[in-house]
Amino acid sequence: MFATPEAVADVAHALVTGRFSGYARQWHEEWDGAPRVRVEIEVFRQMTGR
């Protein structure tokens, strides 16, 4: 079973913005690709009207 693209985008957004509840922030370093992922998520949402 595979998640919908919208669900994947929502989880990716939560991960790259640090909004994933219960996540141990002291162990988190932002991935250097995170800014690009944010842009791609926004493009996806604009294209799908979300």
C-alpha atoms as a PDB file:
ATOM      1  CA  MET A   1       0.000   0.000   0.000  1.00  0.00           C
ATOM      2  CA  PHE A   2       1.317   3.401  -0.922  1.00  0.00           C
ATOM      3  CA  ALA A   3       0.441   6.802   0.528  1.00  0.00           C
ATOM      4  CA  THR A   4      -1.145   9.451  -1.657  1.00  0.00           C
ATOM      5  CA  PRO A   5       1.233  12.147  -2.952  1.00  0.00           C
ATOM      6  CA  GLU A   6      -0.623  14.672  -0.785  1.00  0.00           C
ATOM      7  CA  ALA A   7       0.029  12.628   2.364  1.00  0.00           C
ATOM      8  CA  VAL A   8       3.702  12.262   1.468  1.00  0.00           C
ATOM      9  CA  ALA A   9       3.969  16.025   0.922  1.00  0.00           C
ATOM     10  CA  ASP A  10       2.321  16.700   4.284  1.00  0.00           C
ATOM     11  CA  VAL A  11       4.765  14.438   6.140  1.00  0.00           C
ATOM     12  CA  ALA A  12       7.765  15.810   4.229  1.00  0.00           C
ATOM     13  CA  HIS A  13       6.670  19.333   5.117  1.00  0.00           C
ATOM     14  CA  ALA A  14       6.345  18.408   8.788  1.00  0.00           C
ATOM     15  CA  LEU A  15       9.803  16.855   8.778  1.00  0.00           C
ATOM     16  CA  VAL A  16      11.615  19.735   7.066  1.00  0.00           C
ATOM     17  CA  THR A  17       9.903  22.413   9.164  1.00  0.00           C
ATOM     18  CA  GLY A  18      10.439  20.681  12.507  1.00  0.00           C
ATOM     19  CA  ARG A  19       6.704  20.334  13.129  1.00  0.00           C
ATOM     20  CA  PHE A  20       6.809  16.595  13.597  1.00  0.00           C
ATOM     21  CA  SER A  21       5.449  16.252  17.135  1.00  0.00           C
ATOM     22  CA  GLY A  22       7.532  14.310  19.614  1.00  0.00           C
ATOM     23  CA  TYR A  23      10.672  14.699  17.553  1.00  0.00           C
ATOM     24  CA  ALA A  24      13.828  15.113  19.675  1.00  0.00           C
ATOM     25  CA  ARG A  25      14.950  18.564  18.543  1.00  0.00           C
ATOM     26  CA  GLN A  26      18.405  18.358  20.167  1.00  0.00           C
ATOM     27  CA  TRP A  27      19.315  15.554  17.760  1.00  0.00           C
ATOM     28  CA  HIS A  28      17.997  17.324  14.715  1.00  0.00           C
ATOM     29  CA  GLU A  29      20.198  19.001  12.165  1.00  0.00           C
ATOM     30  CA  GLU A  30      18.496  20.264   9.060  1.00  0.00           C
ATOM     31  CA  TRP A  31      19.368  18.363   5.927  1.00  0.00           C
ATOM     32  CA  ASP A  32      21.094  20.566   3.373  1.00  0.00           C
ATOM     33  CA  GLY A  33      18.465  19.534   0.812  1.00  0.00           C
ATOM     34  CA  ALA A  34      15.574  20.733   3.009  1.00  0.00           C
ATOM     35  CA  PRO A  35      15.223  24.183   1.365  1.00  0.00           C
ATOM     36  CA  ARG A  36      14.832  22.522  -2.043  1.00  0.00           C
ATOM     37  CA  VAL A  37      12.233  20.112  -0.629  1.00  0.00           C
ATOM     38  CA  ARG A  38      10.260  23.051   0.791  1.00  0.00           C
ATOM     39  CA  VAL A  39      10.217  24.670  -2.645  1.00  0.00           C
ATOM     40  CA  GLU A  40       9.139  21.439  -4.322  1.00  0.00           C
ATOM     41  CA  ILE A  41       6.372  20.886  -1.758  1.00  0.00           C
ATOM     42  CA  GLU A  42       5.075  24.403  -2.423  1.00  0.00           C
ATOM     43  CA  VAL A  43       5.164  23.824  -6.196  1.00  0.00           C
ATOM     44  CA  PHE A  44       3.283  20.536  -5.742  1.00  0.00           C
ATOM     45  CA  ARG A  45       0.650  22.209  -3.574  1.00  0.00           C
ATOM     46  CA  GLN A  46       0.170  25.054  -6.045  1.00  0.00           C
ATOM     47  CA  MET A  47      -0.214  22.603  -8.917  1.00  0.00           C
ATOM     48  CA  THR A  48      -2.767  20.516  -7.013  1.00  0.00           C
ATOM     49  CA  GLY A  49      -4.630  23.405  -5.418  1.00  0.00           C
ATOM     50  CA  ARG A  50      -3.790  22.331  -1.863  1.00  0.00           C
END
